[in-house]
Amino acid sequence: MKGATAHYLFLFFSLLATLNLPGCASPKSVIVLLPEAGKVSGEVTVTTATGSQLLNQSWQSVEISGSHGGLSNPVVMESAAVEGVFGSVQAGMPAPPVHYLLYFKLGTAEMLPESRLLLPEIFAVIKKRSPVQLSVVGHADTVGSVAYNHRLGMERAAAVAAAIGELLAAQQGVPARVEISSRGKSDLLVKTPDLTPEPRNRRAEVTIR
């Protein structure tokens, strides 16, 4: 298989187990391209000795059968059918990452009020998934030097981690590993010229795994 990220390779290998499908005289292997967050998760090429098939639509699948690895034409399965065949496999897989964007006042590590309101939701996801890996990446707009914005991004990431840490401390027994980093003004959400005060670039990205 080609063209899948590490996350999806784990998924595809899980679904490559040989299965006794209902109505089949002999076991077959089935590969299904699952969506992520309601969108197409990418594409994957399934290759055997008899040929190749490209999967690039959500719920699209191919069957591999016979000792020579015969490939069926791709078909789109109903989500209920996928659940019936792979329900136990999916239940044992880790949940996909959850992402949040928190925004800040110009030139500070102070979160905007509407972003602070997301903290209880973030904490609820952490508590539900415990234990988790949590990464916070701070960003800045293009006002100021590279060094200044890198430092500001780190301060923003640290502020978010501290705020989440306060919630975690109030609920003992919720383990979480937190990593913080900064990309300063090197990874703009909205591309702008230098010295441009763009509010959407003054952010921290929180990823919960």
N, C-alpha and C. Protein backbone atom coordinates (compact mmCIF):
# COMPACT_ATOMS: atom_id res chain seq x y z
N MET A 1 0.84 -1.19 0.00
CA MET A 1 0.00 0.00 0.00
C MET A 1 0.88 1.24 0.00
N LYS A 2 0.47 2.25 -0.72
CA LYS A 2 1.24 3.47 -0.81
C LYS A 2 0.33 4.65 -0.54
N GLY A 3 0.96 5.79 -0.15
CA GLY A 3 0.24 7.03 -0.05
C GLY A 3 -0.51 7.22 1.25
N ALA A 4 -0.25 6.41 2.30
CA ALA A 4 -0.93 6.58 3.57
C ALA A 4 0.04 7.08 4.61
N THR A 5 -0.40 7.97 5.49
CA THR A 5 0.45 8.43 6.58
C THR A 5 0.57 7.32 7.60
N ALA A 6 1.46 7.55 8.61
CA ALA A 6 1.66 6.53 9.63
C ALA A 6 0.36 6.21 10.36
N HIS A 7 -0.46 7.25 10.61
CA HIS A 7 -1.74 7.03 11.30
C HIS A 7 -2.62 6.07 10.51
N TYR A 8 -2.69 6.28 9.21
CA TYR A 8 -3.57 5.46 8.40
C TYR A 8 -2.97 4.10 8.12
N LEU A 9 -1.64 3.99 8.10
CA LEU A 9 -1.04 2.68 7.93
C LEU A 9 -1.46 1.76 9.07
N PHE A 10 -1.49 2.29 10.28
CA PHE A 10 -1.94 1.49 11.41
C PHE A 10 -3.37 1.05 11.21
N LEU A 11 -4.18 1.96 10.71
CA LEU A 11 -5.58 1.64 10.45
C LEU A 11 -5.71 0.55 9.41
N PHE A 12 -5.00 0.70 8.30
CA PHE A 12 -5.14 -0.25 7.21
C PHE A 12 -4.63 -1.62 7.62
N PHE A 13 -3.52 -1.69 8.34
CA PHE A 13 -3.02 -2.99 8.76
C PHE A 13 -4.03 -3.67 9.68
N SER A 14 -4.71 -2.89 10.50
CA SER A 14 -5.72 -3.47 11.37
C SER A 14 -6.84 -4.10 10.56
N LEU A 15 -7.19 -3.48 9.46
CA LEU A 15 -8.31 -3.97 8.67
C LEU A 15 -7.88 -5.02 7.64
N LEU A 16 -6.61 -5.35 7.60
CA LEU A 16 -6.15 -6.33 6.64
C LEU A 16 -6.22 -7.77 7.17
N ALA A 17 -6.76 -7.93 8.36
CA ALA A 17 -6.88 -9.28 8.89
C ALA A 17 -7.79 -10.11 8.00
N THR A 18 -7.46 -11.39 7.86
CA THR A 18 -8.30 -12.27 7.05
C THR A 18 -9.60 -12.53 7.78
N LEU A 19 -10.70 -12.35 7.07
CA LEU A 19 -12.02 -12.42 7.68
C LEU A 19 -12.88 -13.47 6.99
N ASN A 20 -13.73 -14.12 7.75
CA ASN A 20 -14.75 -14.98 7.18
C ASN A 20 -16.00 -14.13 6.99
N LEU A 21 -16.12 -13.51 5.82
CA LEU A 21 -17.22 -12.61 5.58
C LEU A 21 -18.51 -13.39 5.33
N PRO A 22 -19.64 -12.85 5.77
CA PRO A 22 -20.92 -13.55 5.55
C PRO A 22 -21.14 -13.82 4.06
N GLY A 23 -21.52 -15.05 3.74
CA GLY A 23 -21.82 -15.39 2.36
C GLY A 23 -20.62 -15.77 1.53
N CYS A 24 -19.43 -15.77 2.13
CA CYS A 24 -18.22 -16.09 1.35
C CYS A 24 -17.83 -17.54 1.61
N ALA A 25 -17.50 -18.27 0.55
CA ALA A 25 -17.10 -19.67 0.69
C ALA A 25 -15.73 -19.80 1.31
N SER A 26 -14.86 -18.82 1.10
CA SER A 26 -13.51 -18.87 1.65
C SER A 26 -13.17 -17.50 2.23
N PRO A 27 -12.21 -17.47 3.16
CA PRO A 27 -11.84 -16.20 3.78
C PRO A 27 -11.32 -15.19 2.75
N LYS A 28 -11.61 -13.92 2.99
CA LYS A 28 -11.11 -12.85 2.15
C LYS A 28 -10.59 -11.73 3.04
N SER A 29 -9.68 -10.95 2.48
CA SER A 29 -9.21 -9.75 3.16
C SER A 29 -9.90 -8.54 2.55
N VAL A 30 -10.30 -7.61 3.39
CA VAL A 30 -11.00 -6.41 2.95
C VAL A 30 -10.26 -5.19 3.47
N ILE A 31 -10.07 -4.22 2.60
CA ILE A 31 -9.45 -2.95 2.98
C ILE A 31 -10.46 -1.85 2.76
N VAL A 32 -10.68 -1.02 3.78
CA VAL A 32 -11.65 0.07 3.70
C VAL A 32 -10.96 1.38 4.04
N LEU A 33 -11.21 2.42 3.24
CA LEU A 33 -10.67 3.75 3.52
C LEU A 33 -11.69 4.49 4.38
N LEU A 34 -11.39 4.64 5.68
CA LEU A 34 -12.31 5.28 6.60
C LEU A 34 -12.14 6.80 6.56
N PRO A 35 -13.20 7.55 6.81
CA PRO A 35 -13.08 9.01 6.88
C PRO A 35 -12.50 9.43 8.21
N GLU A 36 -12.04 10.67 8.27
CA GLU A 36 -11.61 11.26 9.54
C GLU A 36 -12.28 12.62 9.65
N ALA A 37 -12.96 12.84 10.77
CA ALA A 37 -13.68 14.10 11.02
C ALA A 37 -14.65 14.41 9.88
N GLY A 38 -15.26 13.36 9.32
CA GLY A 38 -16.26 13.54 8.28
C GLY A 38 -15.70 13.84 6.91
N LYS A 39 -14.38 13.76 6.75
CA LYS A 39 -13.77 14.07 5.46
C LYS A 39 -12.94 12.88 4.98
N VAL A 40 -12.61 12.90 3.67
CA VAL A 40 -11.75 11.85 3.12
C VAL A 40 -10.39 11.92 3.79
N SER A 41 -9.91 10.80 4.28
CA SER A 41 -8.67 10.78 5.06
C SER A 41 -7.41 10.75 4.20
N GLY A 42 -7.56 10.70 2.89
CA GLY A 42 -6.40 10.63 2.00
C GLY A 42 -6.67 9.61 0.91
N GLU A 43 -5.64 8.94 0.46
CA GLU A 43 -5.82 7.88 -0.52
C GLU A 43 -4.78 6.81 -0.29
N VAL A 44 -5.07 5.61 -0.77
CA VAL A 44 -4.15 4.49 -0.61
C VAL A 44 -4.25 3.62 -1.85
N THR A 45 -3.10 3.13 -2.30
CA THR A 45 -3.05 2.19 -3.43
C THR A 45 -2.81 0.80 -2.89
N VAL A 46 -3.73 -0.11 -3.19
CA VAL A 46 -3.61 -1.51 -2.76
C VAL A 46 -3.02 -2.30 -3.93
N THR A 47 -1.88 -2.93 -3.69
CA THR A 47 -1.16 -3.63 -4.76
C THR A 47 -0.94 -5.09 -4.38
N THR A 48 -1.28 -5.99 -5.27
CA THR A 48 -0.99 -7.41 -5.11
C THR A 48 -0.31 -7.90 -6.38
N ALA A 49 -0.06 -9.20 -6.45
CA ALA A 49 0.60 -9.76 -7.62
C ALA A 49 -0.25 -9.63 -8.88
N THR A 50 -1.55 -9.45 -8.70
CA THR A 50 -2.46 -9.41 -9.86
C THR A 50 -2.77 -7.99 -10.34
N GLY A 51 -2.34 -6.97 -9.60
CA GLY A 51 -2.62 -5.60 -10.04
C GLY A 51 -2.74 -4.63 -8.88
N SER A 52 -3.30 -3.45 -9.17
CA SER A 52 -3.43 -2.40 -8.17
C SER A 52 -4.81 -1.76 -8.26
N GLN A 53 -5.27 -1.25 -7.12
CA GLN A 53 -6.51 -0.49 -7.07
C GLN A 53 -6.30 0.72 -6.15
N LEU A 54 -6.82 1.87 -6.57
CA LEU A 54 -6.70 3.11 -5.80
C LEU A 54 -7.99 3.36 -5.02
N LEU A 55 -7.86 3.60 -3.72
CA LEU A 55 -8.99 4.01 -2.88
C LEU A 55 -8.82 5.49 -2.55
N ASN A 56 -9.79 6.31 -2.93
CA ASN A 56 -9.69 7.75 -2.66
C ASN A 56 -11.02 8.37 -2.26
N GLN A 57 -11.98 7.53 -1.85
CA GLN A 57 -13.27 8.00 -1.35
C GLN A 57 -13.54 7.37 0.01
N SER A 58 -14.20 8.12 0.89
CA SER A 58 -14.56 7.56 2.19
C SER A 58 -15.44 6.33 2.02
N TRP A 59 -15.15 5.29 2.82
CA TRP A 59 -15.87 4.02 2.84
C TRP A 59 -15.64 3.18 1.59
N GLN A 60 -14.72 3.59 0.73
CA GLN A 60 -14.40 2.79 -0.45
C GLN A 60 -13.59 1.57 -0.02
N SER A 61 -13.83 0.42 -0.66
CA SER A 61 -13.18 -0.81 -0.23
C SER A 61 -12.80 -1.68 -1.41
N VAL A 62 -11.84 -2.58 -1.17
CA VAL A 62 -11.51 -3.64 -2.13
C VAL A 62 -11.37 -4.94 -1.35
N GLU A 63 -11.63 -6.05 -2.05
CA GLU A 63 -11.43 -7.38 -1.48
C GLU A 63 -10.21 -8.03 -2.12
N ILE A 64 -9.44 -8.73 -1.32
CA ILE A 64 -8.31 -9.52 -1.79
C ILE A 64 -8.65 -10.98 -1.54
N SER A 65 -8.64 -11.80 -2.57
CA SER A 65 -9.05 -13.19 -2.41
C SER A 65 -8.14 -14.11 -3.20
N GLY A 66 -8.15 -15.38 -2.83
CA GLY A 66 -7.37 -16.38 -3.55
C GLY A 66 -5.91 -16.34 -3.20
N SER A 67 -5.23 -17.42 -3.52
CA SER A 67 -3.81 -17.53 -3.20
C SER A 67 -2.95 -16.56 -4.00
N HIS A 68 -3.47 -16.08 -5.13
CA HIS A 68 -2.71 -15.15 -5.96
C HIS A 68 -3.05 -13.69 -5.68
N GLY A 69 -3.91 -13.46 -4.69
CA GLY A 69 -4.22 -12.09 -4.32
C GLY A 69 -5.09 -11.36 -5.32
N GLY A 70 -6.15 -12.01 -5.76
CA GLY A 70 -7.05 -11.36 -6.70
C GLY A 70 -7.71 -10.14 -6.08
N LEU A 71 -7.77 -9.06 -6.85
CA LEU A 71 -8.34 -7.80 -6.37
C LEU A 71 -9.70 -7.55 -7.00
N SER A 72 -10.67 -7.17 -6.20
CA SER A 72 -11.97 -6.77 -6.73
C SER A 72 -11.89 -5.31 -7.17
N ASN A 73 -12.89 -4.86 -7.92
CA ASN A 73 -13.01 -3.44 -8.21
C ASN A 73 -13.44 -2.71 -6.95
N PRO A 74 -13.00 -1.46 -6.77
CA PRO A 74 -13.40 -0.71 -5.57
C PRO A 74 -14.91 -0.48 -5.54
N VAL A 75 -15.49 -0.62 -4.35
CA VAL A 75 -16.90 -0.31 -4.13
C VAL A 75 -17.00 0.51 -2.85
N VAL A 76 -18.03 1.33 -2.77
CA VAL A 76 -18.27 2.13 -1.57
C VAL A 76 -19.22 1.36 -0.67
N MET A 77 -18.77 1.05 0.55
CA MET A 77 -19.58 0.31 1.50
C MET A 77 -20.43 1.27 2.33
N GLU A 78 -21.57 0.80 2.80
CA GLU A 78 -22.36 1.54 3.76
C GLU A 78 -21.63 1.52 5.11
N SER A 79 -21.72 2.64 5.84
CA SER A 79 -21.03 2.70 7.13
C SER A 79 -21.51 1.61 8.08
N ALA A 80 -22.80 1.27 8.01
CA ALA A 80 -23.33 0.21 8.87
C ALA A 80 -22.71 -1.14 8.52
N ALA A 81 -22.45 -1.36 7.23
CA ALA A 81 -21.82 -2.62 6.82
C ALA A 81 -20.39 -2.69 7.32
N VAL A 82 -19.68 -1.56 7.27
CA VAL A 82 -18.31 -1.54 7.79
C VAL A 82 -18.32 -1.82 9.29
N GLU A 83 -19.26 -1.23 9.99
CA GLU A 83 -19.37 -1.47 11.43
C GLU A 83 -19.63 -2.94 11.71
N GLY A 84 -20.47 -3.58 10.90
CA GLY A 84 -20.77 -4.98 11.11
C GLY A 84 -19.57 -5.87 10.92
N VAL A 85 -18.71 -5.54 9.94
CA VAL A 85 -17.55 -6.38 9.65
C VAL A 85 -16.38 -6.05 10.56
N PHE A 86 -16.14 -4.73 10.79
CA PHE A 86 -14.94 -4.29 11.49
C PHE A 86 -15.23 -3.68 12.85
N GLY A 87 -16.43 -3.86 13.37
CA GLY A 87 -16.78 -3.20 14.62
C GLY A 87 -15.81 -3.47 15.75
N SER A 88 -15.42 -4.73 15.92
CA SER A 88 -14.52 -5.08 17.02
C SER A 88 -13.14 -4.50 16.80
N VAL A 89 -12.70 -4.42 15.53
CA VAL A 89 -11.39 -3.82 15.23
C VAL A 89 -11.40 -2.33 15.52
N GLN A 90 -12.45 -1.63 15.06
CA GLN A 90 -12.54 -0.20 15.27
C GLN A 90 -12.63 0.14 16.75
N ALA A 91 -13.34 -0.69 17.51
CA ALA A 91 -13.48 -0.42 18.93
C ALA A 91 -12.15 -0.47 19.65
N GLY A 92 -11.21 -1.29 19.14
CA GLY A 92 -9.91 -1.41 19.78
C GLY A 92 -8.88 -0.43 19.29
N MET A 93 -9.23 0.43 18.34
CA MET A 93 -8.29 1.38 17.79
C MET A 93 -8.30 2.68 18.57
N PRO A 94 -7.18 3.40 18.64
CA PRO A 94 -7.17 4.69 19.32
C PRO A 94 -8.04 5.69 18.57
N ALA A 95 -8.67 6.58 19.31
CA ALA A 95 -9.49 7.62 18.70
C ALA A 95 -8.59 8.59 17.94
N PRO A 96 -9.09 9.18 16.86
CA PRO A 96 -8.28 10.13 16.10
C PRO A 96 -7.98 11.38 16.92
N PRO A 97 -6.92 12.11 16.59
CA PRO A 97 -6.58 13.33 17.34
C PRO A 97 -7.70 14.36 17.28
N VAL A 98 -7.79 15.17 18.33
CA VAL A 98 -8.74 16.28 18.39
C VAL A 98 -7.92 17.57 18.42
N HIS A 99 -8.35 18.57 17.64
CA HIS A 99 -7.60 19.81 17.51
C HIS A 99 -8.44 21.01 17.95
N TYR A 100 -7.77 21.97 18.59
CA TYR A 100 -8.42 23.22 18.98
C TYR A 100 -7.50 24.39 18.62
N LEU A 101 -8.11 25.52 18.28
CA LEU A 101 -7.37 26.76 18.06
C LEU A 101 -7.81 27.78 19.10
N LEU A 102 -6.84 28.33 19.82
CA LEU A 102 -7.10 29.36 20.82
C LEU A 102 -6.38 30.64 20.37
N TYR A 103 -7.04 31.79 20.53
CA TYR A 103 -6.51 33.04 19.99
C TYR A 103 -6.15 34.01 21.12
N PHE A 104 -5.26 34.98 20.76
CA PHE A 104 -4.65 35.85 21.77
C PHE A 104 -4.74 37.32 21.38
N LYS A 105 -4.62 38.17 22.40
CA LYS A 105 -4.56 39.61 22.19
C LYS A 105 -3.21 39.97 21.57
N LEU A 106 -3.18 41.06 20.84
CA LEU A 106 -1.99 41.50 20.13
C LEU A 106 -0.80 41.67 21.08
N GLY A 107 0.30 41.00 20.74
CA GLY A 107 1.55 41.18 21.46
C GLY A 107 1.57 40.59 22.86
N THR A 108 0.61 39.74 23.21
CA THR A 108 0.54 39.19 24.56
C THR A 108 0.29 37.69 24.53
N ALA A 109 0.40 37.06 25.71
CA ALA A 109 0.04 35.66 25.89
C ALA A 109 -1.29 35.55 26.62
N GLU A 110 -2.14 36.57 26.47
CA GLU A 110 -3.46 36.57 27.11
C GLU A 110 -4.50 36.09 26.10
N MET A 111 -5.14 34.99 26.45
CA MET A 111 -6.16 34.43 25.56
C MET A 111 -7.37 35.35 25.45
N LEU A 112 -8.00 35.35 24.28
CA LEU A 112 -9.25 36.07 24.12
C LEU A 112 -10.34 35.37 24.93
N PRO A 113 -11.33 36.11 25.43
CA PRO A 113 -12.37 35.50 26.28
C PRO A 113 -13.06 34.30 25.63
N GLU A 114 -13.36 34.40 24.33
CA GLU A 114 -14.05 33.28 23.67
C GLU A 114 -13.16 32.04 23.59
N SER A 115 -11.84 32.23 23.55
CA SER A 115 -10.93 31.09 23.55
C SER A 115 -10.84 30.45 24.93
N ARG A 116 -10.86 31.27 25.97
CA ARG A 116 -10.83 30.72 27.33
C ARG A 116 -12.06 29.86 27.60
N LEU A 117 -13.16 30.17 26.93
CA LEU A 117 -14.37 29.38 27.12
C LEU A 117 -14.24 27.96 26.59
N LEU A 118 -13.23 27.73 25.74
CA LEU A 118 -13.01 26.38 25.20
C LEU A 118 -12.26 25.48 26.17
N LEU A 119 -11.64 26.05 27.20
CA LEU A 119 -10.80 25.25 28.10
C LEU A 119 -11.57 24.13 28.79
N PRO A 120 -12.79 24.36 29.31
CA PRO A 120 -13.53 23.23 29.91
C PRO A 120 -13.81 22.10 28.92
N GLU A 121 -14.08 22.46 27.65
CA GLU A 121 -14.31 21.43 26.64
C GLU A 121 -13.04 20.63 26.40
N ILE A 122 -11.90 21.33 26.31
CA ILE A 122 -10.61 20.65 26.13
C ILE A 122 -10.35 19.70 27.29
N PHE A 123 -10.61 20.19 28.50
CA PHE A 123 -10.40 19.35 29.68
C PHE A 123 -11.30 18.12 29.65
N ALA A 124 -12.55 18.30 29.21
CA ALA A 124 -13.48 17.17 29.16
C ALA A 124 -12.98 16.09 28.20
N VAL A 125 -12.41 16.50 27.06
CA VAL A 125 -11.86 15.53 26.12
C VAL A 125 -10.67 14.80 26.73
N ILE A 126 -9.81 15.56 27.42
CA ILE A 126 -8.65 14.94 28.07
C ILE A 126 -9.10 13.91 29.10
N LYS A 127 -10.08 14.29 29.90
CA LYS A 127 -10.57 13.40 30.96
C LYS A 127 -11.18 12.14 30.36
N LYS A 128 -11.91 12.29 29.25
CA LYS A 128 -12.56 11.14 28.62
C LYS A 128 -11.54 10.19 28.04
N ARG A 129 -10.43 10.74 27.50
CA ARG A 129 -9.44 9.90 26.82
C ARG A 129 -8.31 9.44 27.73
N SER A 130 -8.28 9.92 28.94
CA SER A 130 -7.15 9.69 29.85
C SER A 130 -6.69 8.23 29.82
N PRO A 131 -5.34 8.02 29.77
CA PRO A 131 -4.26 9.01 29.65
C PRO A 131 -4.11 9.52 28.22
N VAL A 132 -3.53 10.70 28.07
CA VAL A 132 -3.42 11.32 26.75
C VAL A 132 -2.04 11.91 26.55
N GLN A 133 -1.76 12.21 25.29
CA GLN A 133 -0.63 13.05 24.92
C GLN A 133 -1.20 14.38 24.43
N LEU A 134 -0.68 15.47 24.95
CA LEU A 134 -1.20 16.79 24.64
C LEU A 134 -0.06 17.65 24.12
N SER A 135 -0.24 18.23 22.93
CA SER A 135 0.78 19.15 22.40
C SER A 135 0.14 20.51 22.19
N VAL A 136 0.89 21.56 22.53
CA VAL A 136 0.44 22.93 22.37
C VAL A 136 1.51 23.68 21.60
N VAL A 137 1.15 24.20 20.42
CA VAL A 137 2.10 24.91 19.56
C VAL A 137 1.66 26.37 19.48
N GLY A 138 2.55 27.27 19.89
CA GLY A 138 2.24 28.69 19.87
C GLY A 138 2.65 29.35 18.56
N HIS A 139 1.85 30.31 18.12
CA HIS A 139 2.10 31.02 16.85
C HIS A 139 1.93 32.52 17.06
N ALA A 140 2.43 33.29 16.10
CA ALA A 140 2.32 34.75 16.15
C ALA A 140 2.03 35.28 14.75
N ASP A 141 1.61 36.53 14.70
CA ASP A 141 1.48 37.18 13.39
C ASP A 141 2.85 37.72 13.00
N THR A 142 2.92 38.54 11.97
CA THR A 142 4.22 38.96 11.43
C THR A 142 4.70 40.29 11.98
N VAL A 143 4.03 40.81 13.01
CA VAL A 143 4.49 42.04 13.65
C VAL A 143 5.65 41.69 14.58
N GLY A 144 6.83 42.26 14.33
CA GLY A 144 7.98 41.98 15.17
C GLY A 144 8.99 41.07 14.49
N SER A 145 10.12 40.88 15.14
CA SER A 145 11.21 40.09 14.59
C SER A 145 10.94 38.60 14.73
N VAL A 146 11.77 37.80 14.05
CA VAL A 146 11.66 36.35 14.15
C VAL A 146 11.87 35.90 15.59
N ALA A 147 12.90 36.43 16.23
CA ALA A 147 13.21 36.03 17.61
C ALA A 147 12.09 36.43 18.56
N TYR A 148 11.56 37.64 18.39
CA TYR A 148 10.48 38.12 19.25
C TYR A 148 9.24 37.22 19.12
N ASN A 149 8.88 36.90 17.91
CA ASN A 149 7.68 36.11 17.70
C ASN A 149 7.85 34.66 18.12
N HIS A 150 9.06 34.13 18.01
CA HIS A 150 9.29 32.78 18.51
C HIS A 150 9.11 32.76 20.03
N ARG A 151 9.65 33.76 20.68
CA ARG A 151 9.48 33.83 22.14
C ARG A 151 8.01 34.02 22.52
N LEU A 152 7.31 34.89 21.77
CA LEU A 152 5.90 35.13 22.05
C LEU A 152 5.07 33.86 21.83
N GLY A 153 5.40 33.11 20.77
CA GLY A 153 4.70 31.85 20.53
C GLY A 153 4.90 30.87 21.67
N MET A 154 6.11 30.81 22.20
CA MET A 154 6.39 29.91 23.32
C MET A 154 5.62 30.35 24.56
N GLU A 155 5.55 31.67 24.79
CA GLU A 155 4.79 32.17 25.94
C GLU A 155 3.30 31.82 25.81
N ARG A 156 2.78 31.89 24.60
CA ARG A 156 1.38 31.54 24.39
C ARG A 156 1.13 30.05 24.62
N ALA A 157 2.03 29.22 24.12
CA ALA A 157 1.89 27.78 24.35
C ALA A 157 1.96 27.46 25.84
N ALA A 158 2.88 28.13 26.54
CA ALA A 158 3.03 27.89 27.98
C ALA A 158 1.80 28.35 28.74
N ALA A 159 1.20 29.47 28.30
CA ALA A 159 0.00 29.97 28.97
C ALA A 159 -1.16 29.00 28.84
N VAL A 160 -1.33 28.43 27.65
CA VAL A 160 -2.39 27.44 27.44
C VAL A 160 -2.12 26.18 28.27
N ALA A 161 -0.87 25.70 28.25
CA ALA A 161 -0.53 24.51 29.02
C ALA A 161 -0.78 24.74 30.51
N ALA A 162 -0.46 25.95 31.00
CA ALA A 162 -0.67 26.25 32.41
C ALA A 162 -2.15 26.27 32.75
N ALA A 163 -2.96 26.86 31.87
CA ALA A 163 -4.40 26.91 32.12
C ALA A 163 -5.01 25.51 32.14
N ILE A 164 -4.58 24.66 31.21
CA ILE A 164 -5.06 23.28 31.21
C ILE A 164 -4.55 22.54 32.44
N GLY A 165 -3.30 22.83 32.80
CA GLY A 165 -2.71 22.19 33.99
C GLY A 165 -3.48 22.50 35.26
N GLU A 166 -4.01 23.72 35.36
CA GLU A 166 -4.80 24.08 36.53
C GLU A 166 -6.06 23.22 36.62
N LEU A 167 -6.70 22.99 35.47
CA LEU A 167 -7.89 22.14 35.45
C LEU A 167 -7.54 20.69 35.79
N LEU A 168 -6.40 20.22 35.28
CA LEU A 168 -5.97 18.85 35.57
C LEU A 168 -5.63 18.69 37.05
N ALA A 169 -5.01 19.71 37.63
CA ALA A 169 -4.63 19.64 39.04
C ALA A 169 -5.85 19.55 39.94
N ALA A 170 -6.94 20.18 39.50
CA ALA A 170 -8.17 20.14 40.29
C ALA A 170 -8.84 18.77 40.23
N GLN A 171 -8.46 17.97 39.25
CA GLN A 171 -9.01 16.62 39.09
C GLN A 171 -7.86 15.62 39.14
N GLN A 172 -7.45 15.25 40.33
CA GLN A 172 -6.33 14.33 40.48
C GLN A 172 -6.65 12.99 39.82
N GLY A 173 -5.61 12.37 39.31
CA GLY A 173 -5.79 11.07 38.69
C GLY A 173 -6.10 11.15 37.21
N VAL A 174 -5.92 12.33 36.58
CA VAL A 174 -6.10 12.48 35.14
C VAL A 174 -4.71 12.67 34.53
N PRO A 175 -4.03 11.59 34.14
CA PRO A 175 -2.67 11.72 33.63
C PRO A 175 -2.64 12.29 32.22
N ALA A 176 -1.72 13.21 31.97
CA ALA A 176 -1.54 13.78 30.64
C ALA A 176 -0.09 14.21 30.48
N ARG A 177 0.46 13.90 29.33
CA ARG A 177 1.82 14.36 29.01
C ARG A 177 1.69 15.55 28.07
N VAL A 178 2.25 16.68 28.47
CA VAL A 178 2.09 17.92 27.72
C VAL A 178 3.42 18.34 27.11
N GLU A 179 3.40 18.63 25.82
CA GLU A 179 4.57 19.15 25.13
C GLU A 179 4.22 20.51 24.56
N ILE A 180 5.10 21.50 24.76
CA ILE A 180 4.87 22.83 24.21
C ILE A 180 6.01 23.19 23.26
N SER A 181 5.67 23.97 22.25
CA SER A 181 6.68 24.43 21.29
C SER A 181 6.17 25.70 20.63
N SER A 182 7.03 26.34 19.85
CA SER A 182 6.67 27.59 19.18
C SER A 182 7.11 27.54 17.72
N ARG A 183 6.28 28.09 16.86
CA ARG A 183 6.66 28.28 15.46
C ARG A 183 6.68 29.75 15.09
N GLY A 184 6.49 30.60 16.11
CA GLY A 184 6.59 32.04 15.87
C GLY A 184 5.73 32.48 14.71
N LYS A 185 6.38 33.18 13.77
CA LYS A 185 5.64 33.63 12.58
C LYS A 185 5.99 32.82 11.34
N SER A 186 6.52 31.61 11.56
CA SER A 186 6.98 30.79 10.43
C SER A 186 5.89 29.90 9.84
N ASP A 187 4.73 29.81 10.51
CA ASP A 187 3.67 28.91 10.04
C ASP A 187 2.34 29.65 10.16
N LEU A 188 2.11 30.57 9.24
CA LEU A 188 0.94 31.44 9.32
C LEU A 188 -0.32 30.69 8.90
N LEU A 189 -1.39 30.88 9.65
CA LEU A 189 -2.68 30.35 9.25
C LEU A 189 -3.24 31.16 8.09
N VAL A 190 -3.03 32.47 8.14
CA VAL A 190 -3.42 33.39 7.07
C VAL A 190 -2.16 34.04 6.54
N LYS A 191 -1.83 33.80 5.29
CA LYS A 191 -0.61 34.34 4.71
C LYS A 191 -0.71 35.86 4.58
N THR A 192 0.25 36.56 5.16
CA THR A 192 0.27 38.02 5.10
C THR A 192 1.69 38.51 4.86
N PRO A 193 1.85 39.76 4.42
CA PRO A 193 3.20 40.35 4.35
C PRO A 193 3.76 40.53 5.76
N ASP A 194 5.03 40.85 5.83
CA ASP A 194 5.65 41.12 7.12
C ASP A 194 5.02 42.36 7.75
N LEU A 195 5.06 42.42 9.08
CA LEU A 195 4.56 43.56 9.87
C LEU A 195 3.05 43.75 9.72
N THR A 196 2.32 42.63 9.55
CA THR A 196 0.87 42.70 9.41
C THR A 196 0.20 42.13 10.66
N PRO A 197 -0.61 42.91 11.36
CA PRO A 197 -1.30 42.42 12.56
C PRO A 197 -2.55 41.63 12.21
N GLU A 198 -2.41 40.34 12.01
CA GLU A 198 -3.53 39.46 11.63
C GLU A 198 -4.00 38.65 12.84
N PRO A 199 -5.21 38.91 13.36
CA PRO A 199 -5.68 38.22 14.58
C PRO A 199 -5.69 36.70 14.48
N ARG A 200 -5.99 36.15 13.30
CA ARG A 200 -6.09 34.69 13.18
C ARG A 200 -4.73 34.00 13.25
N ASN A 201 -3.66 34.76 13.10
CA ASN A 201 -2.33 34.17 13.24
C ASN A 201 -1.83 34.19 14.68
N ARG A 202 -2.49 34.94 15.55
CA ARG A 202 -2.10 35.01 16.96
C ARG A 202 -2.83 33.89 17.70
N ARG A 203 -2.27 32.70 17.66
CA ARG A 203 -3.01 31.53 18.11
C ARG A 203 -2.09 30.49 18.77
N ALA A 204 -2.73 29.54 19.40
CA ALA A 204 -2.07 28.33 19.86
C ALA A 204 -2.91 27.15 19.38
N GLU A 205 -2.24 26.15 18.85
CA GLU A 205 -2.92 24.95 18.38
C GLU A 205 -2.76 23.83 19.39
N VAL A 206 -3.88 23.33 19.87
CA VAL A 206 -3.89 22.27 20.87
C VAL A 206 -4.28 20.96 20.18
N THR A 207 -3.47 19.93 20.34
CA THR A 207 -3.76 18.62 19.78
C THR A 207 -3.80 17.59 20.91
N ILE A 208 -4.89 16.86 20.98
CA ILE A 208 -5.07 15.83 22.01
C ILE A 208 -5.06 14.47 21.33
N ARG A 209 -4.15 13.60 21.76
CA ARG A 209 -4.04 12.24 21.21
C ARG A 209 -4.24 11.21 22.32
